[in-house]
Amino acid sequence: MLNHAQLSSLRQKVHNLKGRRSTLERLAMQRHHMLAASLLERRFRPSAPAAYYLSIPSPLTSRHRYVRKAEVEVVRRQTAAWREFSQALAEWVRVNQDIERLLRQIGRGRCRTINLTLRRAR
């Protein structure tokens, strides 16, 4: 059984993690247009200007689509929004696991120990 200070410390950690989870949920729920892809810059020669391609993952392989120069900044923002969303979602899962682990510790810490004695057969 944990003492009052230890339980209070665990509760404070849960409270802080819930705040972080709330921040991550707000980040994930924003209304940004996103592209579930990454932007690749390729130079076919060292002196040539860069060409940009959108790398779109698919179940077997990834496909590349050319991005026009005028659209590069819009696509860059949308792929960055997707990357930020996926990272926030991954951290949200980790924070939830930490909250669950701490809540289980609090539950175990509040339980009294049960002494079981085995009776011997006569």
PDB file of N, CA and C in Angstrom:
ATOM      1  N   MET A   1       0.841  -1.169   0.000  1.00  0.00           N
ATOM      2  CA  MET A   1       0.000   0.000   0.000  1.00  0.00           C
ATOM      3  C   MET A   1       0.892   1.242   0.000  1.00  0.00           C
ATOM      4  N   LEU A   2       0.601   2.166  -0.882  1.00  0.00           N
ATOM      5  CA  LEU A   2       1.395   3.382  -0.985  1.00  0.00           C
ATOM      6  C   LEU A   2       0.918   4.404   0.044  1.00  0.00           C
ATOM      7  N   ASN A   3       1.846   5.261   0.477  1.00  0.00           N
ATOM      8  CA  ASN A   3       1.447   6.297   1.426  1.00  0.00           C
ATOM      9  C   ASN A   3       0.827   7.485   0.674  1.00  0.00           C
ATOM     10  N   HIS A   4       0.339   8.440   1.420  1.00  0.00           N
ATOM     11  CA  HIS A   4      -0.393   9.571   0.845  1.00  0.00           C
ATOM     12  C   HIS A   4       0.490  10.386  -0.122  1.00  0.00           C
ATOM     13  N   ALA A   5       1.742  10.612   0.218  1.00  0.00           N
ATOM     14  CA  ALA A   5       2.635  11.416  -0.630  1.00  0.00           C
ATOM     15  C   ALA A   5       2.897  10.720  -1.969  1.00  0.00           C
ATOM     16  N   GLN A   6       3.080   9.412  -1.932  1.00  0.00           N
ATOM     17  CA  GLN A   6       3.326   8.675  -3.168  1.00  0.00           C
ATOM     18  C   GLN A   6       2.093   8.682  -4.070  1.00  0.00           C
ATOM     19  N   LEU A   7       0.919   8.488  -3.490  1.00  0.00           N
ATOM     20  CA  LEU A   7      -0.316   8.542  -4.270  1.00  0.00           C
ATOM     21  C   LEU A   7      -0.540   9.932  -4.847  1.00  0.00           C
ATOM     22  N   SER A   8      -0.242  10.952  -4.064  1.00  0.00           N
ATOM     23  CA  SER A   8      -0.396  12.327  -4.531  1.00  0.00           C
ATOM     24  C   SER A   8       0.540  12.607  -5.703  1.00  0.00           C
ATOM     25  N   SER A   9       1.746  12.099  -5.625  1.00  0.00           N
ATOM     26  CA  SER A   9       2.712  12.269  -6.724  1.00  0.00           C
ATOM     27  C   SER A   9       2.221  11.592  -8.000  1.00  0.00           C
ATOM     28  N   LEU A  10       1.681  10.397  -7.878  1.00  0.00           N
ATOM     29  CA  LEU A  10       1.151   9.690  -9.045  1.00  0.00           C
ATOM     30  C   LEU A  10      -0.051  10.428  -9.641  1.00  0.00           C
ATOM     31  N   ARG A  11      -0.910  10.953  -8.765  1.00  0.00           N
ATOM     32  CA  ARG A  11      -2.075  11.710  -9.252  1.00  0.00           C
ATOM     33  C   ARG A  11      -1.632  12.971  -9.990  1.00  0.00           C
ATOM     34  N   GLN A  12      -0.597  13.628  -9.496  1.00  0.00           N
ATOM     35  CA  GLN A  12      -0.076  14.832 -10.157  1.00  0.00           C
ATOM     36  C   GLN A  12       0.471  14.487 -11.545  1.00  0.00           C
ATOM     37  N   LYS A  13       1.169  13.359 -11.654  1.00  0.00           N
ATOM     38  CA  LYS A  13       1.676  12.927 -12.960  1.00  0.00           C
ATOM     39  C   LYS A  13       0.537  12.659 -13.933  1.00  0.00           C
ATOM     40  N   VAL A  14      -0.536  12.015 -13.449  1.00  0.00           N
ATOM     41  CA  VAL A  14      -1.705  11.754 -14.296  1.00  0.00           C
ATOM     42  C   VAL A  14      -2.327  13.067 -14.743  1.00  0.00           C
ATOM     43  N   HIS A  15      -2.444  14.026 -13.830  1.00  0.00           N
ATOM     44  CA  HIS A  15      -3.018  15.328 -14.165  1.00  0.00           C
ATOM     45  C   HIS A  15      -2.198  16.022 -15.265  1.00  0.00           C
ATOM     46  N   ASN A  16      -0.877  15.993 -15.132  1.00  0.00           N
ATOM     47  CA  ASN A  16      -0.007  16.613 -16.146  1.00  0.00           C
ATOM     48  C   ASN A  16      -0.137  15.904 -17.493  1.00  0.00           C
ATOM     49  N   LEU A  17      -0.202  14.579 -17.480  1.00  0.00           N
ATOM     50  CA  LEU A  17      -0.337  13.823 -18.726  1.00  0.00           C
ATOM     51  C   LEU A  17      -1.691  14.081 -19.389  1.00  0.00           C
ATOM     52  N   LYS A  18      -2.731  14.266 -18.582  1.00  0.00           N
ATOM     53  CA  LYS A  18      -4.042  14.583 -19.156  1.00  0.00           C
ATOM     54  C   LYS A  18      -4.013  15.939 -19.851  1.00  0.00           C
ATOM     55  N   GLY A  19      -3.276  16.894 -19.292  1.00  0.00           N
ATOM     56  CA  GLY A  19      -3.115  18.192 -19.949  1.00  0.00           C
ATOM     57  C   GLY A  19      -2.390  18.059 -21.271  1.00  0.00           C
ATOM     58  N   ARG A  20      -1.350  17.246 -21.293  1.00  0.00           N
ATOM     59  CA  ARG A  20      -0.608  17.020 -22.537  1.00  0.00           C
ATOM     60  C   ARG A  20      -1.504  16.319 -23.559  1.00  0.00           C
ATOM     61  N   ARG A  21      -2.304  15.352 -23.112  1.00  0.00           N
ATOM     62  CA  ARG A  21      -3.216  14.655 -24.008  1.00  0.00           C
ATOM     63  C   ARG A  21      -4.238  15.615 -24.607  1.00  0.00           C
ATOM     64  N   SER A  22      -4.726  16.539 -23.808  1.00  0.00           N
ATOM     65  CA  SER A  22      -5.683  17.531 -24.289  1.00  0.00           C
ATOM     66  C   SER A  22      -5.055  18.408 -25.373  1.00  0.00           C
ATOM     67  N   THR A  23      -3.809  18.799 -25.175  1.00  0.00           N
ATOM     68  CA  THR A  23      -3.098  19.595 -26.175  1.00  0.00           C
ATOM     69  C   THR A  23      -2.934  18.814 -27.476  1.00  0.00           C
ATOM     70  N   LEU A  24      -2.582  17.555 -27.360  1.00  0.00           N
ATOM     71  CA  LEU A  24      -2.400  16.720 -28.555  1.00  0.00           C
ATOM     72  C   LEU A  24      -3.725  16.495 -29.273  1.00  0.00           C
ATOM     73  N   GLU A  25      -4.811  16.361 -28.532  1.00  0.00           N
ATOM     74  CA  GLU A  25      -6.128  16.191 -29.160  1.00  0.00           C
ATOM     75  C   GLU A  25      -6.510  17.439 -29.939  1.00  0.00           C
ATOM     76  N   ARG A  26      -6.248  18.622 -29.367  1.00  0.00           N
ATOM     77  CA  ARG A  26      -6.536  19.859 -30.094  1.00  0.00           C
ATOM     78  C   ARG A  26      -5.715  19.946 -31.375  1.00  0.00           C
ATOM     79  N   LEU A  27      -4.469  19.545 -31.297  1.00  0.00           N
ATOM     80  CA  LEU A  27      -3.591  19.567 -32.473  1.00  0.00           C
ATOM     81  C   LEU A  27      -4.095  18.606 -33.542  1.00  0.00           C
ATOM     82  N   ALA A  28      -4.560  17.437 -33.117  1.00  0.00           N
ATOM     83  CA  ALA A  28      -5.036  16.439 -34.075  1.00  0.00           C
ATOM     84  C   ALA A  28      -6.384  16.824 -34.689  1.00  0.00           C
ATOM     85  N   MET A  29      -7.184  17.586 -33.962  1.00  0.00           N
ATOM     86  CA  MET A  29      -8.522  17.925 -34.439  1.00  0.00           C
ATOM     87  C   MET A  29      -8.583  19.226 -35.228  1.00  0.00           C
ATOM     88  N   GLN A  30      -7.445  19.846 -35.507  1.00  0.00           N
ATOM     89  CA  GLN A  30      -7.452  21.092 -36.273  1.00  0.00           C
ATOM     90  C   GLN A  30      -7.990  20.866 -37.672  1.00  0.00           C
ATOM     91  N   ARG A  31      -8.455  21.935 -38.281  1.00  0.00           N
ATOM     92  CA  ARG A  31      -9.070  21.834 -39.592  1.00  0.00           C
ATOM     93  C   ARG A  31      -8.104  22.290 -40.678  1.00  0.00           C
ATOM     94  N   HIS A  32      -7.041  21.559 -40.861  1.00  0.00           N
ATOM     95  CA  HIS A  32      -6.082  21.838 -41.923  1.00  0.00           C
ATOM     96  C   HIS A  32      -6.291  20.841 -43.050  1.00  0.00           C
ATOM     97  N   HIS A  33      -6.065  21.292 -44.262  1.00  0.00           N
ATOM     98  CA  HIS A  33      -6.040  20.351 -45.374  1.00  0.00           C
ATOM     99  C   HIS A  33      -4.707  19.620 -45.295  1.00  0.00           C
ATOM    100  N   MET A  34      -4.754  18.307 -45.469  1.00  0.00           N
ATOM    101  CA  MET A  34      -3.537  17.506 -45.332  1.00  0.00           C
ATOM    102  C   MET A  34      -3.399  16.577 -46.522  1.00  0.00           C
ATOM    103  N   LEU A  35      -2.170  16.223 -46.806  1.00  0.00           N
ATOM    104  CA  LEU A  35      -1.861  15.199 -47.800  1.00  0.00           C
ATOM    105  C   LEU A  35      -1.071  14.112 -47.099  1.00  0.00           C
ATOM    106  N   ALA A  36      -1.572  12.894 -47.149  1.00  0.00           N
ATOM    107  CA  ALA A  36      -0.895  11.768 -46.501  1.00  0.00           C
ATOM    108  C   ALA A  36       0.222  11.295 -47.410  1.00  0.00           C
ATOM    109  N   ALA A  37       1.247  12.118 -47.504  1.00  0.00           N
ATOM    110  CA  ALA A  37       2.372  11.829 -48.393  1.00  0.00           C
ATOM    111  C   ALA A  37       3.561  12.674 -47.925  1.00  0.00           C
ATOM    112  N   SER A  38       4.680  12.513 -48.590  1.00  0.00           N
ATOM    113  CA  SER A  38       5.837  13.345 -48.291  1.00  0.00           C
ATOM    114  C   SER A  38       6.331  13.990 -49.580  1.00  0.00           C
ATOM    115  N   LEU A  39       6.931  15.143 -49.428  1.00  0.00           N
ATOM    116  CA  LEU A  39       7.419  15.901 -50.574  1.00  0.00           C
ATOM    117  C   LEU A  39       8.896  15.597 -50.774  1.00  0.00           C
ATOM    118  N   LEU A  40       9.247  15.169 -51.973  1.00  0.00           N
ATOM    119  CA  LEU A  40      10.630  14.832 -52.292  1.00  0.00           C
ATOM    120  C   LEU A  40      11.199  15.864 -53.252  1.00  0.00           C
ATOM    121  N   GLU A  41      12.432  16.258 -53.006  1.00  0.00           N
ATOM    122  CA  GLU A  41      13.134  17.162 -53.906  1.00  0.00           C
ATOM    123  C   GLU A  41      14.192  16.351 -54.647  1.00  0.00           C
ATOM    124  N   ARG A  42      14.179  16.448 -55.971  1.00  0.00           N
ATOM    125  CA  ARG A  42      15.166  15.695 -56.753  1.00  0.00           C
ATOM    126  C   ARG A  42      15.877  16.631 -57.703  1.00  0.00           C
ATOM    127  N   ARG A  43      17.160  16.418 -57.830  1.00  0.00           N
ATOM    128  CA  ARG A  43      17.975  17.125 -58.815  1.00  0.00           C
ATOM    129  C   ARG A  43      18.595  16.070 -59.710  1.00  0.00           C
ATOM    130  N   PHE A  44      18.305  16.172 -60.989  1.00  0.00           N
ATOM    131  CA  PHE A  44      18.808  15.171 -61.920  1.00  0.00           C
ATOM    132  C   PHE A  44      20.252  15.456 -62.314  1.00  0.00           C
ATOM    133  N   ARG A  45      20.657  16.712 -62.222  1.00  0.00           N
ATOM    134  CA  ARG A  45      22.054  17.120 -62.408  1.00  0.00           C
ATOM    135  C   ARG A  45      22.370  18.115 -61.303  1.00  0.00           C
ATOM    136  N   PRO A  46      23.617  18.226 -60.919  1.00  0.00           N
ATOM    137  CA  PRO A  46      23.951  19.164 -59.839  1.00  0.00           C
ATOM    138  C   PRO A  46      23.582  20.617 -60.165  1.00  0.00           C
ATOM    139  N   SER A  47      23.678  21.003 -61.429  1.00  0.00           N
ATOM    140  CA  SER A  47      23.401  22.393 -61.793  1.00  0.00           C
ATOM    141  C   SER A  47      21.926  22.621 -62.149  1.00  0.00           C
ATOM    142  N   ALA A  48      21.153  21.561 -62.284  1.00  0.00           N
ATOM    143  CA  ALA A  48      19.755  21.681 -62.698  1.00  0.00           C
ATOM    144  C   ALA A  48      18.888  22.141 -61.523  1.00  0.00           C
ATOM    145  N   PRO A  49      17.793  22.832 -61.815  1.00  0.00           N
ATOM    146  CA  PRO A  49      16.880  23.210 -60.729  1.00  0.00           C
ATOM    147  C   PRO A  49      16.177  21.971 -60.167  1.00  0.00           C
ATOM    148  N   ALA A  50      15.711  22.114 -58.962  1.00  0.00           N
ATOM    149  CA  ALA A  50      15.079  20.981 -58.286  1.00  0.00           C
ATOM    150  C   ALA A  50      13.694  20.710 -58.863  1.00  0.00           C
ATOM    151  N   ALA A  51      13.364  19.451 -58.929  1.00  0.00           N
ATOM    152  CA  ALA A  51      12.014  19.021 -59.293  1.00  0.00           C
ATOM    153  C   ALA A  51      11.399  18.411 -58.036  1.00  0.00           C
ATOM    154  N   TYR A  52      10.126  18.640 -57.819  1.00  0.00           N
ATOM    155  CA  TYR A  52       9.464  18.165 -56.611  1.00  0.00           C
ATOM    156  C   TYR A  52       8.450  17.084 -56.966  1.00  0.00           C
ATOM    157  N   TYR A  53       8.459  16.041 -56.146  1.00  0.00           N
ATOM    158  CA  TYR A  53       7.543  14.923 -56.338  1.00  0.00           C
ATOM    159  C   TYR A  53       6.833  14.630 -55.025  1.00  0.00           C
ATOM    160  N   LEU A  54       5.616  14.209 -55.140  1.00  0.00           N
ATOM    161  CA  LEU A  54       4.833  13.799 -53.998  1.00  0.00           C
ATOM    162  C   LEU A  54       4.930  12.288 -53.886  1.00  0.00           C
ATOM    163  N   SER A  55       5.468  11.789 -52.782  1.00  0.00           N
ATOM    164  CA  SER A  55       5.601  10.355 -52.559  1.00  0.00           C
ATOM    165  C   SER A  55       4.370   9.876 -51.796  1.00  0.00           C
ATOM    166  N   ILE A  56       3.534   9.093 -52.478  1.00  0.00           N
ATOM    167  CA  ILE A  56       2.269   8.638 -51.919  1.00  0.00           C
ATOM    168  C   ILE A  56       2.395   7.159 -51.558  1.00  0.00           C
ATOM    169  N   PRO A  57       2.307   6.821 -50.268  1.00  0.00           N
ATOM    170  CA  PRO A  57       2.435   5.408 -49.893  1.00  0.00           C
ATOM    171  C   PRO A  57       1.187   4.616 -50.288  1.00  0.00           C
ATOM    172  N   SER A  58       1.414   3.400 -50.738  1.00  0.00           N
ATOM    173  CA  SER A  58       0.326   2.473 -51.038  1.00  0.00           C
ATOM    174  C   SER A  58       0.692   1.135 -50.409  1.00  0.00           C
ATOM    175  N   PRO A  59      -0.224   0.182 -50.349  1.00  0.00           N
ATOM    176  CA  PRO A  59       0.068  -1.069 -49.643  1.00  0.00           C
ATOM    177  C   PRO A  59       1.302  -1.816 -50.153  1.00  0.00           C
ATOM    178  N   LEU A  60       1.543  -1.833 -51.443  1.00  0.00           N
ATOM    179  CA  LEU A  60       2.671  -2.597 -51.964  1.00  0.00           C
ATOM    180  C   LEU A  60       3.920  -1.750 -52.167  1.00  0.00           C
ATOM    181  N   THR A  61       3.751  -0.547 -52.615  1.00  0.00           N
ATOM    182  CA  THR A  61       4.894   0.313 -52.913  1.00  0.00           C
ATOM    183  C   THR A  61       4.443   1.768 -52.802  1.00  0.00           C
ATOM    184  N   SER A  62       5.334   2.700 -53.003  1.00  0.00           N
ATOM    185  CA  SER A  62       4.927   4.099 -52.998  1.00  0.00           C
ATOM    186  C   SER A  62       4.945   4.622 -54.429  1.00  0.00           C
ATOM    187  N   ARG A  63       4.039   5.536 -54.696  1.00  0.00           N
ATOM    188  CA  ARG A  63       3.945   6.128 -56.022  1.00  0.00           C
ATOM    189  C   ARG A  63       4.401   7.569 -55.935  1.00  0.00           C
ATOM    190  N   HIS A  64       4.987   8.055 -57.002  1.00  0.00           N
ATOM    191  CA  HIS A  64       5.454   9.436 -57.048  1.00  0.00           C
ATOM    192  C   HIS A  64       4.651  10.209 -58.077  1.00  0.00           C
ATOM    193  N   ARG A  65       4.290  11.432 -57.699  1.00  0.00           N
ATOM    194  CA  ARG A  65       3.559  12.299 -58.607  1.00  0.00           C
ATOM    195  C   ARG A  65       4.272  13.635 -58.670  1.00  0.00           C
ATOM    196  N   TYR A  66       4.469  14.141 -59.874  1.00  0.00           N
ATOM    197  CA  TYR A  66       5.148  15.416 -60.071  1.00  0.00           C
ATOM    198  C   TYR A  66       4.307  16.556 -59.504  1.00  0.00           C
ATOM    199  N   VAL A  67       4.972  17.515 -58.859  1.00  0.00           N
ATOM    200  CA  VAL A  67       4.298  18.690 -58.306  1.00  0.00           C
ATOM    201  C   VAL A  67       4.803  19.916 -59.054  1.00  0.00           C
ATOM    202  N   ARG A  68       3.885  20.703 -59.577  1.00  0.00           N
ATOM    203  CA  ARG A  68       4.262  21.914 -60.311  1.00  0.00           C
ATOM    204  C   ARG A  68       4.883  22.928 -59.368  1.00  0.00           C
ATOM    205  N   LYS A  69       5.732  23.762 -59.949  1.00  0.00           N
ATOM    206  CA  LYS A  69       6.458  24.752 -59.156  1.00  0.00           C
ATOM    207  C   LYS A  69       5.504  25.691 -58.414  1.00  0.00           C
ATOM    208  N   ALA A  70       4.398  26.062 -59.041  1.00  0.00           N
ATOM    209  CA  ALA A  70       3.439  26.975 -58.413  1.00  0.00           C
ATOM    210  C   ALA A  70       2.722  26.330 -57.233  1.00  0.00           C
ATOM    211  N   GLU A  71       2.648  25.019 -57.187  1.00  0.00           N
ATOM    212  CA  GLU A  71       1.921  24.308 -56.136  1.00  0.00           C
ATOM    213  C   GLU A  71       2.818  23.812 -55.002  1.00  0.00           C
ATOM    214  N   VAL A  72       4.120  24.015 -55.115  1.00  0.00           N
ATOM    215  CA  VAL A  72       5.065  23.422 -54.162  1.00  0.00           C
ATOM    216  C   VAL A  72       4.809  23.903 -52.730  1.00  0.00           C
ATOM    217  N   GLU A  73       4.595  25.192 -52.531  1.00  0.00           N
ATOM    218  CA  GLU A  73       4.409  25.710 -51.169  1.00  0.00           C
ATOM    219  C   GLU A  73       3.111  25.201 -50.537  1.00  0.00           C
ATOM    220  N   VAL A  74       2.046  25.118 -51.317  1.00  0.00           N
ATOM    221  CA  VAL A  74       0.774  24.601 -50.793  1.00  0.00           C
ATOM    222  C   VAL A  74       0.931  23.132 -50.401  1.00  0.00           C
ATOM    223  N   VAL A  75       1.575  22.363 -51.270  1.00  0.00           N
ATOM    224  CA  VAL A  75       1.789  20.937 -50.997  1.00  0.00           C
ATOM    225  C   VAL A  75       2.714  20.762 -49.800  1.00  0.00           C
ATOM    226  N   ARG A  76       3.713  21.618 -49.678  1.00  0.00           N
ATOM    227  CA  ARG A  76       4.644  21.537 -48.544  1.00  0.00           C
ATOM    228  C   ARG A  76       3.895  21.761 -47.224  1.00  0.00           C
ATOM    229  N   ARG A  77       3.002  22.757 -47.183  1.00  0.00           N
ATOM    230  CA  ARG A  77       2.217  23.005 -45.970  1.00  0.00           C
ATOM    231  C   ARG A  77       1.300  21.829 -45.650  1.00  0.00           C
ATOM    232  N   GLN A  78       0.692  21.248 -46.680  1.00  0.00           N
ATOM    233  CA  GLN A  78      -0.238  20.141 -46.449  1.00  0.00           C
ATOM    234  C   GLN A  78       0.487  18.875 -45.995  1.00  0.00           C
ATOM    235  N   THR A  79       1.657  18.607 -46.549  1.00  0.00           N
ATOM    236  CA  THR A  79       2.412  17.432 -46.090  1.00  0.00           C
ATOM    237  C   THR A  79       2.982  17.659 -44.692  1.00  0.00           C
ATOM    238  N   ALA A  80       3.351  18.911 -44.377  1.00  0.00           N
ATOM    239  CA  ALA A  80       3.822  19.221 -43.020  1.00  0.00           C
ATOM    240  C   ALA A  80       2.688  19.060 -42.019  1.00  0.00           C
ATOM    241  N   ALA A  81       1.474  19.449 -42.407  1.00  0.00           N
ATOM    242  CA  ALA A  81       0.316  19.274 -41.516  1.00  0.00           C
ATOM    243  C   ALA A  81       0.057  17.796 -41.267  1.00  0.00           C
ATOM    244  N   TRP A  82       0.226  16.963 -42.290  1.00  0.00           N
ATOM    245  CA  TRP A  82       0.046  15.517 -42.112  1.00  0.00           C
ATOM    246  C   TRP A  82       1.108  14.938 -41.184  1.00  0.00           C
ATOM    247  N   ARG A  83       2.343  15.379 -41.367  1.00  0.00           N
ATOM    248  CA  ARG A  83       3.435  14.884 -40.522  1.00  0.00           C
ATOM    249  C   ARG A  83       3.193  15.288 -39.064  1.00  0.00           C
ATOM    250  N   GLU A  84       2.763  16.527 -38.843  1.00  0.00           N
ATOM    251  CA  GLU A  84       2.467  17.000 -37.495  1.00  0.00           C
ATOM    252  C   GLU A  84       1.309  16.216 -36.888  1.00  0.00           C
ATOM    253  N   PHE A  85       0.282  15.932 -37.687  1.00  0.00           N
ATOM    254  CA  PHE A  85      -0.865  15.164 -37.219  1.00  0.00           C
ATOM    255  C   PHE A  85      -0.448  13.753 -36.820  1.00  0.00           C
ATOM    256  N   SER A  86       0.321  13.091 -37.667  1.00  0.00           N
ATOM    257  CA  SER A  86       0.700  11.703 -37.373  1.00  0.00           C
ATOM    258  C   SER A  86       1.628  11.620 -36.162  1.00  0.00           C
ATOM    259  N   GLN A  87       2.518  12.609 -35.990  1.00  0.00           N
ATOM    260  CA  GLN A  87       3.379  12.618 -34.810  1.00  0.00           C
ATOM    261  C   GLN A  87       2.574  12.886 -33.542  1.00  0.00           C
ATOM    262  N   ALA A  88       1.593  13.789 -33.633  1.00  0.00           N
ATOM    263  CA  ALA A  88       0.742  14.073 -32.477  1.00  0.00           C
ATOM    264  C   ALA A  88      -0.083  12.846 -32.107  1.00  0.00           C
ATOM    265  N   LEU A  89      -0.557  12.133 -33.103  1.00  0.00           N
ATOM    266  CA  LEU A  89      -1.345  10.931 -32.839  1.00  0.00           C
ATOM    267  C   LEU A  89      -0.496   9.848 -32.177  1.00  0.00           C
ATOM    268  N   ALA A  90       0.739   9.687 -32.643  1.00  0.00           N
ATOM    269  CA  ALA A  90       1.632   8.697 -32.041  1.00  0.00           C
ATOM    270  C   ALA A  90       1.943   9.059 -30.587  1.00  0.00           C
ATOM    271  N   GLU A  91       2.193  10.347 -30.331  1.00  0.00           N
ATOM    272  CA  GLU A  91       2.471  10.758 -28.959  1.00  0.00           C
ATOM    273  C   GLU A  91       1.220  10.619 -28.089  1.00  0.00           C
ATOM    274  N   TRP A  92       0.046  10.872 -28.670  1.00  0.00           N
ATOM    275  CA  TRP A  92      -1.213  10.727 -27.942  1.00  0.00           C
ATOM    276  C   TRP A  92      -1.377   9.289 -27.454  1.00  0.00           C
ATOM    277  N   VAL A  93      -1.029   8.325 -28.302  1.00  0.00           N
ATOM    278  CA  VAL A  93      -1.112   6.912 -27.919  1.00  0.00           C
ATOM    279  C   VAL A  93      -0.146   6.619 -26.768  1.00  0.00           C
ATOM    280  N   ARG A  94       1.076   7.140 -26.855  1.00  0.00           N
ATOM    281  CA  ARG A  94       2.052   6.918 -25.776  1.00  0.00           C
ATOM    282  C   ARG A  94       1.584   7.545 -24.466  1.00  0.00           C
ATOM    283  N   VAL A  95       1.025   8.753 -24.539  1.00  0.00           N
ATOM    284  CA  VAL A  95       0.541   9.428 -23.331  1.00  0.00           C
ATOM    285  C   VAL A  95      -0.609   8.633 -22.714  1.00  0.00           C
ATOM    286  N   ASN A  96      -1.519   8.118 -23.547  1.00  0.00           N
ATOM    287  CA  ASN A  96      -2.618   7.302 -23.025  1.00  0.00           C
ATOM    288  C   ASN A  96      -2.098   6.057 -22.322  1.00  0.00           C
ATOM    289  N   GLN A  97      -1.070   5.433 -22.881  1.00  0.00           N
ATOM    290  CA  GLN A  97      -0.489   4.254 -22.241  1.00  0.00           C
ATOM    291  C   GLN A  97       0.134   4.619 -20.898  1.00  0.00           C
ATOM    292  N   ASP A  98       0.805   5.767 -20.834  1.00  0.00           N
ATOM    293  CA  ASP A  98       1.393   6.208 -19.566  1.00  0.00           C
ATOM    294  C   ASP A  98       0.310   6.500 -18.529  1.00  0.00           C
ATOM    295  N   ILE A  99      -0.779   7.144 -18.967  1.00  0.00           N
ATOM    296  CA  ILE A  99      -1.883   7.430 -18.043  1.00  0.00           C
ATOM    297  C   ILE A  99      -2.467   6.128 -17.506  1.00  0.00           C
ATOM    298  N   GLU A 100      -2.670   5.158 -18.387  1.00  0.00           N
ATOM    299  CA  GLU A 100      -3.216   3.871 -17.953  1.00  0.00           C
ATOM    300  C   GLU A 100      -2.280   3.189 -16.953  1.00  0.00           C
ATOM    301  N   ARG A 101      -0.982   3.207 -17.234  1.00  0.00           N
ATOM    302  CA  ARG A 101      -0.009   2.591 -16.340  1.00  0.00           C
ATOM    303  C   ARG A 101      -0.040   3.246 -14.959  1.00  0.00           C
ATOM    304  N   LEU A 102      -0.090   4.595 -14.928  1.00  0.00           N
ATOM    305  CA  LEU A 102      -0.116   5.304 -13.649  1.00  0.00           C
ATOM    306  C   LEU A 102      -1.421   5.058 -12.891  1.00  0.00           C
ATOM    307  N   LEU A 103      -2.545   5.017 -13.608  1.00  0.00           N
ATOM    308  CA  LEU A 103      -3.820   4.749 -12.935  1.00  0.00           C
ATOM    309  C   LEU A 103      -3.841   3.351 -12.329  1.00  0.00           C
ATOM    310  N   ARG A 104      -3.236   2.397 -13.025  1.00  0.00           N
ATOM    311  CA  ARG A 104      -3.152   1.045 -12.453  1.00  0.00           C
ATOM    312  C   ARG A 104      -2.264   1.034 -11.199  1.00  0.00           C
ATOM    313  N   GLN A 105      -1.183   1.818 -11.223  1.00  0.00           N
ATOM    314  CA  GLN A 105      -0.323   1.915 -10.040  1.00  0.00           C
ATOM    315  C   GLN A 105      -1.092   2.529  -8.871  1.00  0.00           C
ATOM    316  N   ILE A 106      -1.884   3.554  -9.156  1.00  0.00           N
ATOM    317  CA  ILE A 106      -2.686   4.173  -8.099  1.00  0.00           C
ATOM    318  C   ILE A 106      -3.667   3.156  -7.525  1.00  0.00           C
ATOM    319  N   GLY A 107      -4.309   2.387  -8.408  1.00  0.00           N
ATOM    320  CA  GLY A 107      -5.248   1.372  -7.941  1.00  0.00           C
ATOM    321  C   GLY A 107      -4.580   0.320  -7.082  1.00  0.00           C
ATOM    322  N   ARG A 108      -3.413  -0.145  -7.509  1.00  0.00           N
ATOM    323  CA  ARG A 108      -2.680  -1.132  -6.706  1.00  0.00           C
ATOM    324  C   ARG A 108      -2.199  -0.527  -5.396  1.00  0.00           C
ATOM    325  N   GLY A 109      -1.821   0.749  -5.437  1.00  0.00           N
ATOM    326  CA  GLY A 109      -1.315   1.413  -4.233  1.00  0.00           C
ATOM    327  C   GLY A 109      -2.380   1.666  -3.194  1.00  0.00           C
ATOM    328  N   ARG A 110      -3.634   1.746  -3.608  1.00  0.00           N
ATOM    329  CA  ARG A 110      -4.733   1.993  -2.677  1.00  0.00           C
ATOM    330  C   ARG A 110      -5.274   0.700  -2.082  1.00  0.00           C
ATOM    331  N   CYS A 111      -4.895  -0.433  -2.626  1.00  0.00           N
ATOM    332  CA  CYS A 111      -5.417  -1.720  -2.140  1.00  0.00           C
ATOM    333  C   CYS A 111      -4.651  -2.170  -0.899  1.00  0.00           C
ATOM    334  N   ARG A 112      -5.396  -2.738   0.016  1.00  0.00           N
ATOM    335  CA  ARG A 112      -4.766  -3.338   1.186  1.00  0.00           C
ATOM    336  C   ARG A 112      -4.240  -4.705   0.792  1.00  0.00           C
ATOM    337  N   THR A 113      -3.239  -5.144   1.467  1.00  0.00           N
ATOM    338  CA  THR A 113      -2.712  -6.477   1.197  1.00  0.00           C
ATOM    339  C   THR A 113      -3.573  -7.508   1.920  1.00  0.00           C
ATOM    340  N   ILE A 114      -3.724  -8.631   1.288  1.00  0.00           N
ATOM    341  CA  ILE A 114      -4.517  -9.715   1.850  1.00  0.00           C
ATOM    342  C   ILE A 114      -3.555 -10.822   2.256  1.00  0.00           C
ATOM    343  N   ASN A 115      -3.606 -11.194   3.503  1.00  0.00           N
ATOM    344  CA  ASN A 115      -2.751 -12.272   3.990  1.00  0.00           C
ATOM    345  C   ASN A 115      -3.537 -13.571   3.921  1.00  0.00           C
ATOM    346  N   LEU A 116      -3.085 -14.451   3.093  1.00  0.00           N
ATOM    347  CA  LEU A 116      -3.721 -15.759   2.971  1.00  0.00           C
ATOM    348  C   LEU A 116      -2.814 -16.779   3.632  1.00  0.00           C
ATOM    349  N   THR A 117      -3.376 -17.493   4.532  1.00  0.00           N
ATOM    350  CA  THR A 117      -2.614 -18.576   5.153  1.00  0.00           C
ATOM    351  C   THR A 117      -3.250 -19.877   4.723  1.00  0.00           C
ATOM    352  N   LEU A 118      -2.427 -20.777   4.348  1.00  0.00           N
ATOM    353  CA  LEU A 118      -2.920 -22.092   3.931  1.00  0.00           C
ATOM    354  C   LEU A 118      -3.047 -22.970   5.169  1.00  0.00           C
ATOM    355  N   ARG A 119      -4.173 -23.621   5.254  1.00  0.00           N
ATOM    356  CA  ARG A 119      -4.376 -24.554   6.368  1.00  0.00           C
ATOM    357  C   ARG A 119      -3.826 -25.899   5.975  1.00  0.00           C
ATOM    358  N   ARG A 120      -3.214 -26.492   6.891  1.00  0.00           N
ATOM    359  CA  ARG A 120      -2.639 -27.816   6.630  1.00  0.00           C
ATOM    360  C   ARG A 120      -3.711 -28.885   6.812  1.00  0.00           C
ATOM    361  N   ALA A 121      -3.655 -29.838   5.974  1.00  0.00           N
ATOM    362  CA  ALA A 121      -4.608 -30.951   6.080  1.00  0.00           C
ATOM    363  C   ALA A 121      -4.244 -31.811   7.279  1.00  0.00           C
ATOM    364  N   ARG A 122      -5.240 -32.281   8.005  1.00  0.00           N
ATOM    365  CA  ARG A 122      -4.985 -33.105   9.178  1.00  0.00           C
ATOM    366  C   ARG A 122      -5.051 -34.554   8.850  1.00  0.00           C
TER     367      ARG A 122
END
